[in-house]
């Protein structure tokens, strides 16, 4: 580990709101309750933030509903300009935003810098989409009238965001919601509320009217979310998180037939065929596995490598992962920070221990380091059965699990043998195989000879138990619009 601090973490916290963000300002919770946000590298408290309760959720919804009509009537160009100004302000403060994410999430600063660039791009993208909401006009085929189709804001919306991408998971939901003319309440993960609170303050600085955006950090997510969802005034729910929680939210939304977007769990396969450029595949595999320290729903969870190139690929990936530098994310030269919590670290450790007990070979890492912080080293396991228990669930950590296959059919079968279908990756230089395997993989997104596929201009989402709906791209704003048909004579 290193000991040279890039910046004083406490300095970055200066000016970040620590109250609830309601009606355009930072306010204490109605009960006065707070909870601590901890540094995963030291396990020490960074700051305490207001802890929202049910009454606070209702107050935030009241202010949102009061602002809804005026915001919906705001010209699209003006809505887009506010998003663009927010983008500009965040870009100017990119270093501070990146450091803020690093200290509350724990990950290495280069990963936070990459998220800052990625996350702010959603605001620029949807600033442009705000003025492109269109409809259509046609003559009825029967000749008895005309058909007019228009779009309207879906209504007050709730976003529930995860801890692993504190900025981008917010901007990916807030951007299209505001561009389409909706008011929004956000419940961020309790592990990482600071980035979302800072984002709300920047929106206000950019001219967003009070009440249009509220942020409710809370240690009691179930009660606060339910208080909002069970209110008939909420018309849209967008959630990123685990599949079990998503199923529960879908059940609640069904009672009021609310629109939903669910970006749920993943279990991404990464296939390497014997005709692949192995060096390029190793580079792509490293990015797909180690982005955000492996704490990403799109992270490569299972590496399926054709037998003839398995040892070469494994040796080269092991060498590359051995070069990572483990330490606090804000220390100079660190490329792998701690995991977000003791619970997450222990889950990763248990997955590795279980795989080893089942016969996996440890090529790198695999042991918990001593001392403070929720650290887990870069780890490579091979000789893993492609259907072993460790391949069934997301590891969500810096662990590469490598299995082998003999035929293309075997590879596709193993890749698809999961209830999840978010992202898949594969490497091959055979164009016909690229087209064939892309079509055969049962996932919402496929990376062909690429280890990073997320793009604000592209639709993000999965199939099967990985979710419903799409975020980003031209499809992203459609999630926040209702279609209205008007029959004209």
Protein backbone atom coordinates (compact mmCIF):
# COMPACT_ATOMS: atom_id res chain seq x y z
CA UNK A 1 0.00 0.00 0.00
CA UNK A 2 1.04 3.63 -0.43
CA UNK A 3 0.99 6.52 2.00
CA UNK A 4 1.16 9.64 -0.19
CA UNK A 5 -2.20 11.39 -0.05
CA UNK A 6 -3.30 13.10 -3.27
CA UNK A 7 -5.58 15.51 -1.40
CA UNK A 8 -7.01 15.95 2.05
CA UNK A 9 -10.35 14.09 1.91
CA UNK A 10 -11.87 16.39 4.52
CA UNK A 11 -11.21 19.43 2.32
CA UNK A 12 -13.29 17.90 -0.47
CA UNK A 13 -16.22 17.56 1.92
CA UNK A 14 -16.34 21.30 2.58
CA UNK A 15 -19.50 22.73 1.04
CA UNK A 16 -21.16 19.40 0.34
CA UNK A 17 -24.74 19.45 1.69
CA UNK A 18 -25.36 17.06 4.58
CA UNK A 19 -29.08 17.64 5.01
CA UNK A 20 -31.98 16.33 3.01
CA UNK A 21 -32.41 18.18 -0.29
CA UNK A 22 -36.04 19.34 -0.34
CA UNK A 23 -37.57 22.32 -2.15
CA UNK A 24 -34.19 23.48 -3.41
CA UNK A 25 -32.31 23.58 -0.12
CA UNK A 26 -30.50 21.44 2.42
CA UNK A 27 -32.68 20.80 5.48
CA UNK A 28 -32.45 18.56 8.56
CA UNK A 29 -34.67 15.53 8.86
CA UNK A 30 -37.93 16.12 10.68
CA UNK A 31 -36.74 13.88 13.52
CA UNK A 32 -33.25 15.36 13.66
CA UNK A 33 -31.79 11.90 13.02
CA UNK A 34 -28.50 11.44 11.16
CA UNK A 35 -26.32 8.56 10.06
CA UNK A 36 -22.59 8.31 9.39
CA UNK A 37 -20.93 8.01 6.01
CA UNK A 38 -17.73 6.02 6.42
CA UNK A 39 -14.40 5.88 4.60
CA UNK A 40 -14.05 2.26 3.40
CA UNK A 41 -10.25 2.58 3.50
CA UNK A 42 -10.08 3.45 7.20
CA UNK A 43 -13.52 2.35 8.48
CA UNK A 44 -13.78 5.78 10.12
CA UNK A 45 -16.66 8.23 9.86
CA UNK A 46 -16.27 10.99 7.29
CA UNK A 47 -19.40 12.98 8.09
CA UNK A 48 -22.98 12.53 9.26
CA UNK A 49 -25.91 13.24 6.97
CA UNK A 50 -29.60 13.76 7.69
CA UNK A 51 -31.56 10.53 7.93
CA UNK A 52 -34.89 10.85 6.11
CA UNK A 53 -38.03 9.31 7.55
CA UNK A 54 -41.52 8.76 6.23
CA UNK A 55 -42.65 12.30 7.07
CA UNK A 56 -39.71 13.73 5.15
CA UNK A 57 -40.55 11.58 2.14
CA UNK A 58 -44.11 12.88 2.16
CA UNK A 59 -42.92 16.47 2.46
CA UNK A 60 -40.57 16.01 -0.49
CA UNK A 61 -43.36 14.51 -2.57
CA UNK A 62 -45.68 17.39 -1.66
CA UNK A 63 -43.11 19.94 -2.87
CA UNK A 64 -42.46 17.91 -6.02
CA UNK A 65 -46.15 17.71 -6.90
CA UNK A 66 -46.52 21.46 -6.30
CA UNK A 67 -43.71 22.11 -8.80
CA UNK A 68 -44.81 19.51 -11.37
CA UNK A 69 -47.16 21.52 -13.57
CA UNK A 70 -44.85 24.51 -13.93
CA UNK A 71 -41.88 22.29 -14.76
CA UNK A 72 -43.87 20.32 -17.33
CA UNK A 73 -44.87 23.61 -18.94
CA UNK A 74 -41.28 24.87 -19.05
CA UNK A 75 -40.11 25.02 -22.68
CA UNK A 76 -37.94 22.05 -23.66
CA UNK A 77 -35.11 24.37 -24.67
CA UNK A 78 -35.04 25.89 -21.20
CA UNK A 79 -35.07 22.48 -19.55
CA UNK A 80 -32.21 21.44 -21.79
CA UNK A 81 -30.21 24.56 -20.97
CA UNK A 82 -30.44 23.83 -17.25
CA UNK A 83 -29.12 20.32 -17.88
CA UNK A 84 -26.34 21.75 -20.01
CA UNK A 85 -25.36 24.32 -17.36
CA UNK A 86 -25.25 21.53 -14.79
CA UNK A 87 -22.98 19.57 -17.14
CA UNK A 88 -20.68 22.59 -17.50
CA UNK A 89 -20.47 23.18 -13.74
CA UNK A 90 -19.73 19.53 -13.02
CA UNK A 91 -17.07 19.49 -15.72
CA UNK A 92 -15.39 22.52 -14.14
CA UNK A 93 -15.40 20.72 -10.77
CA UNK A 94 -14.54 17.26 -12.08
CA UNK A 95 -11.54 16.79 -9.78
CA UNK A 96 -13.55 17.53 -6.64
CA UNK A 97 -16.46 15.33 -7.73
CA UNK A 98 -14.09 12.46 -8.47
CA UNK A 99 -12.40 12.77 -5.09
CA UNK A 100 -15.76 12.94 -3.34
CA UNK A 101 -16.80 9.66 -4.94
CA UNK A 102 -13.49 8.07 -4.02
CA UNK A 103 -13.66 8.92 -0.35
CA UNK A 104 -17.23 7.72 0.15
CA UNK A 105 -17.05 4.68 -2.15
CA UNK A 106 -13.42 3.71 -1.58
CA UNK A 107 -12.41 2.98 -5.15
CA UNK A 108 -9.24 4.20 -6.84
CA UNK A 109 -9.28 7.80 -8.00
CA UNK A 110 -8.72 6.96 -11.71
CA UNK A 111 -11.99 5.01 -11.67
CA UNK A 112 -13.79 7.97 -10.11
CA UNK A 113 -12.33 10.31 -12.70
CA UNK A 114 -13.64 8.01 -15.42
CA UNK A 115 -17.10 7.97 -13.84
CA UNK A 116 -17.16 11.75 -13.58
CA UNK A 117 -16.63 12.02 -17.32
CA UNK A 118 -19.11 9.25 -18.06
CA UNK A 119 -21.77 10.48 -15.61
CA UNK A 120 -21.75 14.09 -16.70
CA UNK A 121 -22.16 13.04 -20.34
CA UNK A 122 -25.71 11.88 -19.59
CA UNK A 123 -26.60 15.48 -18.76
CA UNK A 124 -25.16 16.75 -22.03
CA UNK A 125 -26.87 13.96 -23.97
CA UNK A 126 -30.31 14.52 -22.46
CA UNK A 127 -29.94 18.31 -22.69
CA UNK A 128 -29.93 17.68 -26.42
CA UNK A 129 -32.72 15.09 -26.29
CA UNK A 130 -35.04 17.51 -24.46
CA UNK A 131 -35.73 19.40 -27.71
CA UNK A 132 -36.15 16.22 -29.78
CA UNK A 133 -39.30 14.86 -28.14
CA UNK A 134 -41.52 14.35 -31.16
CA UNK A 135 -44.88 12.93 -32.20
CA UNK A 136 -46.52 12.09 -35.49
CA UNK A 137 -49.43 13.03 -37.69
CA UNK A 138 -51.09 10.73 -40.21
CA UNK A 139 -54.29 10.21 -42.13
CA UNK A 140 -56.35 7.30 -40.82
CA UNK A 141 -56.14 4.37 -43.27
CA UNK A 142 -59.94 4.16 -43.38
CA UNK A 143 -60.12 7.77 -44.54
CA UNK A 144 -62.43 8.81 -41.71
CA UNK A 145 -60.09 11.16 -39.86
CA UNK A 146 -56.57 11.93 -38.84
CA UNK A 147 -54.25 10.52 -36.20
CA UNK A 148 -52.23 12.79 -33.94
CA UNK A 149 -49.74 11.22 -31.51
CA UNK A 150 -48.02 13.34 -28.88
CA UNK A 151 -45.95 12.76 -25.74
CA UNK A 152 -46.35 14.12 -22.23
CA UNK A 153 -44.32 13.78 -19.03
CA UNK A 154 -45.16 10.51 -17.29
CA UNK A 155 -45.51 12.31 -13.94
CA UNK A 156 -43.74 12.57 -10.58
CA UNK A 157 -40.95 10.00 -10.51
CA UNK A 158 -38.90 8.15 -7.92
CA UNK A 159 -35.31 7.07 -8.58
CA UNK A 160 -33.58 4.60 -6.30
CA UNK A 161 -29.85 4.54 -7.00
CA UNK A 162 -27.06 2.12 -5.95
CA UNK A 163 -23.76 2.81 -4.23
CA UNK A 164 -21.36 1.62 -6.93
CA UNK A 165 -21.71 4.54 -9.38
CA UNK A 166 -22.94 7.44 -7.20
CA UNK A 167 -22.89 10.05 -9.95
CA UNK A 168 -23.68 8.18 -13.18
CA UNK A 169 -26.60 6.20 -11.79
CA UNK A 170 -28.11 9.52 -10.77
CA UNK A 171 -27.49 11.48 -13.96
CA UNK A 172 -28.66 8.52 -16.08
CA UNK A 173 -32.07 8.76 -14.39
CA UNK A 174 -32.35 12.45 -13.52
CA UNK A 175 -31.24 13.64 -16.96
CA UNK A 176 -34.05 12.07 -18.99
CA UNK A 177 -36.67 12.65 -16.30
CA UNK A 178 -36.02 16.39 -16.19
CA UNK A 179 -35.56 16.65 -19.95
CA UNK A 180 -39.01 15.11 -20.43
CA UNK A 181 -40.61 17.54 -17.98
CA UNK A 182 -40.94 15.35 -14.87
CA UNK A 183 -40.21 16.17 -11.26
CA UNK A 184 -38.10 13.59 -9.43
CA UNK A 185 -37.31 12.30 -5.96
CA UNK A 186 -34.05 10.39 -5.49
CA UNK A 187 -33.25 7.94 -2.73
CA UNK A 188 -29.50 7.32 -2.94
CA UNK A 189 -27.77 4.35 -1.33
CA UNK A 190 -26.95 5.03 2.31
CA UNK A 191 -23.30 4.07 1.71
CA UNK A 192 -22.76 6.88 -0.83
CA UNK A 193 -25.23 9.77 -0.42
CA UNK A 194 -22.73 12.63 -0.61
CA UNK A 195 -22.25 12.67 -4.37
CA UNK A 196 -26.00 12.83 -4.97
CA UNK A 197 -26.41 15.67 -2.48
CA UNK A 198 -23.57 17.56 -4.16
CA UNK A 199 -25.24 16.96 -7.54
CA UNK A 200 -28.53 18.40 -6.28
CA UNK A 201 -26.77 21.55 -5.13
CA UNK A 202 -25.13 21.96 -8.55
CA UNK A 203 -28.52 21.57 -10.25
CA UNK A 204 -29.87 24.37 -8.06
CA UNK A 205 -26.88 26.54 -8.94
CA UNK A 206 -27.61 25.89 -12.61
CA UNK A 207 -31.14 27.27 -12.20
CA UNK A 208 -33.31 24.23 -11.53
CA UNK A 209 -36.48 25.49 -9.80
CA UNK A 210 -37.10 24.43 -6.18
CA UNK A 211 -39.10 21.22 -5.78
CA UNK A 212 -38.20 19.74 -9.16
CA UNK A 213 -35.46 17.54 -7.65
CA UNK A 214 -35.35 16.16 -4.10
CA UNK A 215 -32.74 13.88 -2.51
CA UNK A 216 -33.58 11.70 0.49
CA UNK A 217 -30.62 9.94 2.08
CA UNK A 218 -31.86 7.40 4.60
CA UNK A 219 -30.83 4.41 6.66
CA UNK A 220 -34.40 3.10 6.42
CA UNK A 221 -34.76 2.55 2.68
CA UNK A 222 -37.73 0.19 2.86
CA UNK A 223 -40.08 2.47 4.78
CA UNK A 224 -39.07 5.66 2.96
CA UNK A 225 -39.37 4.09 -0.49
CA UNK A 226 -42.69 2.44 0.36
CA UNK A 227 -44.12 5.73 1.62
CA UNK A 228 -43.44 7.24 -1.79
CA UNK A 229 -44.40 4.26 -3.94
CA UNK A 230 -47.73 3.74 -2.17
CA UNK A 231 -48.74 7.33 -2.92
CA UNK A 232 -50.97 7.53 -6.00
CA UNK A 233 -49.24 10.72 -7.12
CA UNK A 234 -46.04 8.83 -8.00
CA UNK A 235 -46.32 7.58 -11.58
CA UNK A 236 -42.83 6.29 -12.34
CA UNK A 237 -40.21 4.23 -10.48
CA UNK A 238 -36.66 3.75 -11.72
CA UNK A 239 -34.43 1.39 -9.76
CA UNK A 240 -30.87 0.13 -10.13
CA UNK A 241 -29.86 -2.61 -7.74
CA UNK A 242 -30.29 -6.25 -6.89
CA UNK A 243 -32.86 -8.50 -8.54
CA UNK A 244 -34.58 -9.50 -5.25
CA UNK A 245 -35.17 -5.85 -4.33
CA UNK A 246 -36.31 -5.13 -7.88
CA UNK A 247 -38.90 -7.90 -7.69
CA UNK A 248 -40.26 -6.41 -4.46
CA UNK A 249 -40.51 -2.94 -6.00
CA UNK A 250 -42.29 -4.35 -9.05
CA UNK A 251 -44.83 -5.99 -6.76
CA UNK A 252 -45.47 -2.69 -4.99
CA UNK A 253 -45.72 -0.80 -8.28
CA UNK A 254 -48.24 -3.30 -9.61
CA UNK A 255 -50.83 -2.21 -7.06
CA UNK A 256 -50.97 1.26 -8.65
CA UNK A 257 -49.94 0.26 -12.19
CA UNK A 258 -46.94 2.59 -12.03
CA UNK A 259 -44.42 2.74 -14.85
CA UNK A 260 -41.14 1.04 -13.94
CA UNK A 261 -37.56 0.83 -15.16
CA UNK A 262 -35.53 -1.90 -13.49
CA UNK A 263 -31.78 -2.27 -14.02
CA UNK A 264 -31.06 -5.34 -11.94
CA UNK A 265 -28.35 -7.93 -11.39
CA UNK A 266 -25.86 -9.22 -13.91
CA UNK A 267 -23.62 -12.23 -14.37
CA UNK A 268 -21.65 -11.27 -17.45
CA UNK A 269 -19.76 -13.96 -19.36
CA UNK A 270 -16.53 -13.11 -21.17
CA UNK A 271 -15.75 -15.54 -23.97
CA UNK A 272 -12.32 -15.89 -25.59
CA UNK A 273 -12.16 -17.99 -28.75
CA UNK A 274 -8.98 -19.55 -30.06
CA UNK A 275 -8.94 -17.21 -33.07
CA UNK A 276 -8.92 -14.13 -30.84
CA UNK A 277 -6.12 -11.61 -30.51
CA UNK A 278 -5.07 -12.82 -27.05
CA UNK A 279 -3.23 -9.67 -26.05
CA UNK A 280 -6.27 -7.57 -26.97
CA UNK A 281 -8.53 -10.03 -25.13
CA UNK A 282 -6.40 -9.69 -21.99
CA UNK A 283 -6.63 -5.90 -22.16
CA UNK A 284 -10.41 -6.10 -22.64
CA UNK A 285 -10.75 -8.67 -19.88
CA UNK A 286 -8.85 -6.48 -17.45
CA UNK A 287 -11.11 -3.52 -18.19
CA UNK A 288 -14.28 -5.62 -18.02
CA UNK A 289 -13.21 -7.15 -14.70
CA UNK A 290 -11.36 -4.40 -12.87
CA UNK A 291 -13.37 -1.30 -13.77
CA UNK A 292 -14.58 0.11 -10.45
CA UNK A 293 -12.67 -2.66 -8.68
CA UNK A 294 -15.14 -5.20 -10.06
CA UNK A 295 -18.06 -3.51 -8.30
CA UNK A 296 -20.14 -3.09 -11.46
CA UNK A 297 -23.20 -4.91 -12.76
CA UNK A 298 -21.54 -5.07 -16.18
CA UNK A 299 -18.31 -6.52 -14.78
CA UNK A 300 -17.12 -9.75 -16.38
CA UNK A 301 -18.11 -12.37 -13.85
CA UNK A 302 -17.17 -15.58 -15.72
CA UNK A 303 -14.29 -16.01 -18.15
CA UNK A 304 -14.90 -18.82 -20.63
CA UNK A 305 -11.73 -19.49 -22.63
CA UNK A 306 -11.24 -22.00 -25.44
CA UNK A 307 -8.94 -24.79 -24.33
CA UNK A 308 -6.19 -24.17 -26.85
CA UNK A 309 -5.50 -20.62 -25.62
CA UNK A 310 -6.57 -20.96 -21.98
CA UNK A 311 -3.11 -21.10 -20.43
CA UNK A 312 -1.75 -18.22 -22.49
CA UNK A 313 -4.76 -16.04 -21.66
CA UNK A 314 -4.70 -16.98 -17.96
CA UNK A 315 -0.99 -16.35 -17.56
CA UNK A 316 -1.16 -12.95 -19.25
CA UNK A 317 -4.27 -11.85 -17.34
CA UNK A 318 -2.67 -12.97 -14.07
CA UNK A 319 0.44 -10.94 -14.87
CA UNK A 320 -1.62 -7.85 -15.63
CA UNK A 321 -3.77 -8.15 -12.51
CA UNK A 322 -0.67 -8.73 -10.38
CA UNK A 323 0.50 -5.23 -11.32
CA UNK A 324 -2.42 -3.45 -9.61
CA UNK A 325 -1.56 -1.37 -6.58
CA UNK A 326 -3.86 -1.89 -3.59
CA UNK A 327 -4.54 0.94 -1.16
CA UNK A 328 -6.81 3.82 -0.21
CA UNK A 329 -8.27 5.21 -3.41
CA UNK A 330 -7.02 8.72 -2.69
CA UNK A 331 -3.40 7.62 -2.28
CA UNK A 332 -0.98 8.32 -5.09
CA UNK A 333 -0.50 5.47 -7.56
CA UNK A 334 -3.30 3.26 -6.24
CA UNK A 335 -5.26 1.42 -8.93
CA UNK A 336 -7.40 -0.81 -6.67
CA UNK A 337 -9.15 0.60 -3.63
CA UNK A 338 -11.16 -1.12 -0.91
CA UNK A 339 -14.61 -2.57 -1.41
CA UNK A 340 -17.48 -0.45 -0.18
CA UNK A 341 -18.23 -2.29 3.07
CA UNK A 342 -17.31 -5.18 5.32
CA UNK A 343 -20.39 -7.01 4.06
CA UNK A 344 -19.26 -6.71 0.45
CA UNK A 345 -15.67 -7.70 1.27
CA UNK A 346 -16.84 -10.76 3.19
CA UNK A 347 -19.13 -11.78 0.33
CA UNK A 348 -16.20 -11.71 -2.09
CA UNK A 349 -13.97 -13.62 0.32
CA UNK A 350 -16.65 -16.27 0.86
CA UNK A 351 -17.09 -16.70 -2.91
CA UNK A 352 -13.36 -17.27 -3.38
CA UNK A 353 -13.11 -19.65 -0.42
CA UNK A 354 -16.08 -21.63 -1.72
CA UNK A 355 -14.57 -21.87 -5.20
CA UNK A 356 -11.26 -23.11 -3.81
CA UNK A 357 -13.08 -25.69 -1.69
CA UNK A 358 -14.79 -26.86 -4.90
CA UNK A 359 -11.44 -27.38 -6.63
CA UNK A 360 -10.48 -24.01 -8.13
CA UNK A 361 -6.78 -23.19 -8.37
CA UNK A 362 -5.55 -19.84 -7.06
CA UNK A 363 -3.26 -18.18 -9.59
CA UNK A 364 -3.19 -14.82 -7.82
CA UNK A 365 -4.42 -13.32 -4.54
CA UNK A 366 -7.24 -15.03 -2.73
CA UNK A 367 -6.28 -13.96 0.82
CA UNK A 368 -7.67 -11.18 2.98
CA UNK A 369 -5.01 -8.61 3.89
CA UNK A 370 -4.54 -7.67 7.53
CA UNK A 371 -5.35 -4.26 8.96
CA UNK A 372 -8.08 -1.68 8.67
CA UNK A 373 -10.19 -1.13 5.58
CA UNK A 374 -12.39 -3.31 3.42
CA UNK A 375 -9.61 -4.42 1.10
CA UNK A 376 -9.50 -7.50 -1.09
CA UNK A 377 -6.65 -8.18 -3.50
CA UNK A 378 -6.83 -8.77 -7.23
CA UNK A 379 -7.49 -12.50 -7.56
CA UNK A 380 -7.39 -15.02 -10.40
CA UNK A 381 -8.90 -18.50 -10.14
CA UNK A 382 -8.71 -21.11 -12.87
CA UNK A 383 -9.64 -24.78 -13.32
CA UNK A 384 -13.22 -23.79 -12.44
CA UNK A 385 -16.13 -25.83 -13.77
CA UNK A 386 -18.25 -23.47 -15.96
CA UNK A 387 -21.33 -24.46 -13.95
CA UNK A 388 -19.73 -24.29 -10.49
CA UNK A 389 -21.54 -22.38 -7.71
CA UNK A 390 -19.08 -19.47 -7.93
CA UNK A 391 -20.29 -18.80 -11.48
CA UNK A 392 -23.96 -18.51 -10.52
CA UNK A 393 -23.99 -15.14 -8.72
CA UNK A 394 -22.29 -11.78 -9.14
CA UNK A 395 -18.99 -11.66 -7.28
CA UNK A 396 -18.90 -7.84 -7.36
CA UNK A 397 -15.20 -7.66 -6.61
CA UNK A 398 -11.72 -7.96 -8.18
CA UNK A 399 -11.90 -11.71 -8.79
CA UNK A 400 -11.47 -13.33 -12.22
CA UNK A 401 -12.94 -16.85 -12.45
CA UNK A 402 -11.66 -18.79 -15.49
CA UNK A 403 -13.21 -21.88 -17.06
CA UNK A 404 -12.48 -23.58 -20.38
CA UNK A 405 -14.60 -24.79 -23.29
CA UNK A 406 -13.97 -26.82 -26.44
CA UNK A 407 -16.65 -25.76 -28.94
CA UNK A 408 -18.55 -22.59 -29.76
CA UNK A 409 -21.81 -24.33 -28.90
CA UNK A 410 -20.46 -25.25 -25.45
CA UNK A 411 -19.35 -21.66 -24.87
CA UNK A 412 -22.72 -20.16 -25.78
CA UNK A 413 -24.56 -22.74 -23.71
CA UNK A 414 -22.48 -21.98 -20.62
CA UNK A 415 -22.74 -18.22 -21.20
CA UNK A 416 -26.54 -18.38 -21.37
CA UNK A 417 -26.95 -20.78 -18.43
CA UNK A 418 -28.04 -18.11 -15.97
CA UNK A 419 -31.21 -16.29 -15.01
CA UNK A 420 -29.44 -13.00 -15.74
CA UNK A 421 -28.93 -11.30 -19.08
CA UNK A 422 -27.42 -7.85 -18.73
CA UNK A 423 -24.06 -7.83 -20.55
CA UNK A 424 -21.88 -10.31 -22.42
CA UNK A 425 -18.43 -10.01 -23.97
CA UNK A 426 -16.44 -12.06 -26.42
CA UNK A 427 -13.25 -11.88 -28.48
CA UNK A 428 -12.86 -13.38 -31.94
CA UNK A 429 -11.32 -12.33 -35.28
CA UNK A 430 -13.82 -14.37 -37.32
CA UNK A 431 -16.49 -12.00 -38.66
CA UNK A 432 -19.05 -14.74 -39.23
CA UNK A 433 -18.53 -15.98 -35.68
CA UNK A 434 -18.88 -12.44 -34.36
CA UNK A 435 -22.29 -12.09 -35.98
CA UNK A 436 -23.39 -15.59 -35.00
CA UNK A 437 -22.35 -15.39 -31.35
CA UNK A 438 -23.72 -11.84 -30.95
CA UNK A 439 -27.13 -13.13 -31.98
CA UNK A 440 -26.89 -16.25 -29.80
CA UNK A 441 -25.92 -14.57 -26.53
CA UNK A 442 -29.00 -13.96 -24.39
CA UNK A 443 -28.24 -10.52 -22.99
CA UNK A 444 -29.33 -6.94 -23.50
CA UNK A 445 -25.81 -5.73 -24.36
CA UNK A 446 -22.94 -7.47 -26.13
CA UNK A 447 -19.35 -6.29 -26.36
CA UNK A 448 -17.54 -7.64 -29.42
CA UNK A 449 -13.76 -7.27 -29.02
CA UNK A 450 -14.44 -4.59 -26.40
CA UNK A 451 -14.15 -4.69 -22.64
CA UNK A 452 -16.11 -1.49 -21.92
CA UNK A 453 -19.49 -1.02 -23.58
CA UNK A 454 -21.38 1.63 -21.57
CA UNK A 455 -22.11 4.78 -23.58
CA UNK A 456 -24.61 7.59 -22.81
CA UNK A 457 -25.69 7.51 -26.46
CA UNK A 458 -26.54 3.79 -26.34
CA UNK A 459 -29.42 1.97 -24.61
CA UNK A 460 -28.36 0.32 -21.34
CA UNK A 461 -30.38 -2.57 -19.92
CA UNK A 462 -30.90 -6.31 -19.82
CA UNK A 463 -33.25 -9.20 -20.35
CA UNK A 464 -34.53 -12.03 -18.15
CA UNK A 465 -33.89 -11.31 -14.44
CA UNK A 466 -31.59 -8.41 -15.31
CA UNK A 467 -34.40 -5.95 -15.71
CA UNK A 468 -36.99 -4.02 -17.68
CA UNK A 469 -36.55 -0.89 -19.76
CA UNK A 470 -33.51 0.99 -21.06
CA UNK A 471 -31.45 3.93 -19.87
CA UNK A 472 -29.36 6.15 -22.11
CA UNK A 473 -29.59 6.55 -25.86
CA UNK A 474 -32.67 7.84 -27.62
CA UNK A 475 -34.57 5.11 -25.78
CA UNK A 476 -33.77 6.56 -22.35
CA UNK A 477 -36.11 9.53 -22.52
CA UNK A 478 -39.00 7.33 -23.69
CA UNK A 479 -39.08 5.76 -20.22
CA UNK A 480 -40.26 9.13 -18.85
CA UNK A 481 -42.91 9.93 -21.46
CA UNK A 482 -46.53 8.93 -21.86
CA UNK A 483 -48.04 8.51 -25.32
CA UNK A 484 -51.28 10.30 -26.13
CA UNK A 485 -53.38 9.58 -29.23
CA UNK A 486 -55.77 12.28 -30.43
CA UNK A 487 -58.37 11.35 -33.04
CA UNK A 488 -59.17 14.22 -35.40
CA UNK A 489 -61.93 14.47 -37.97
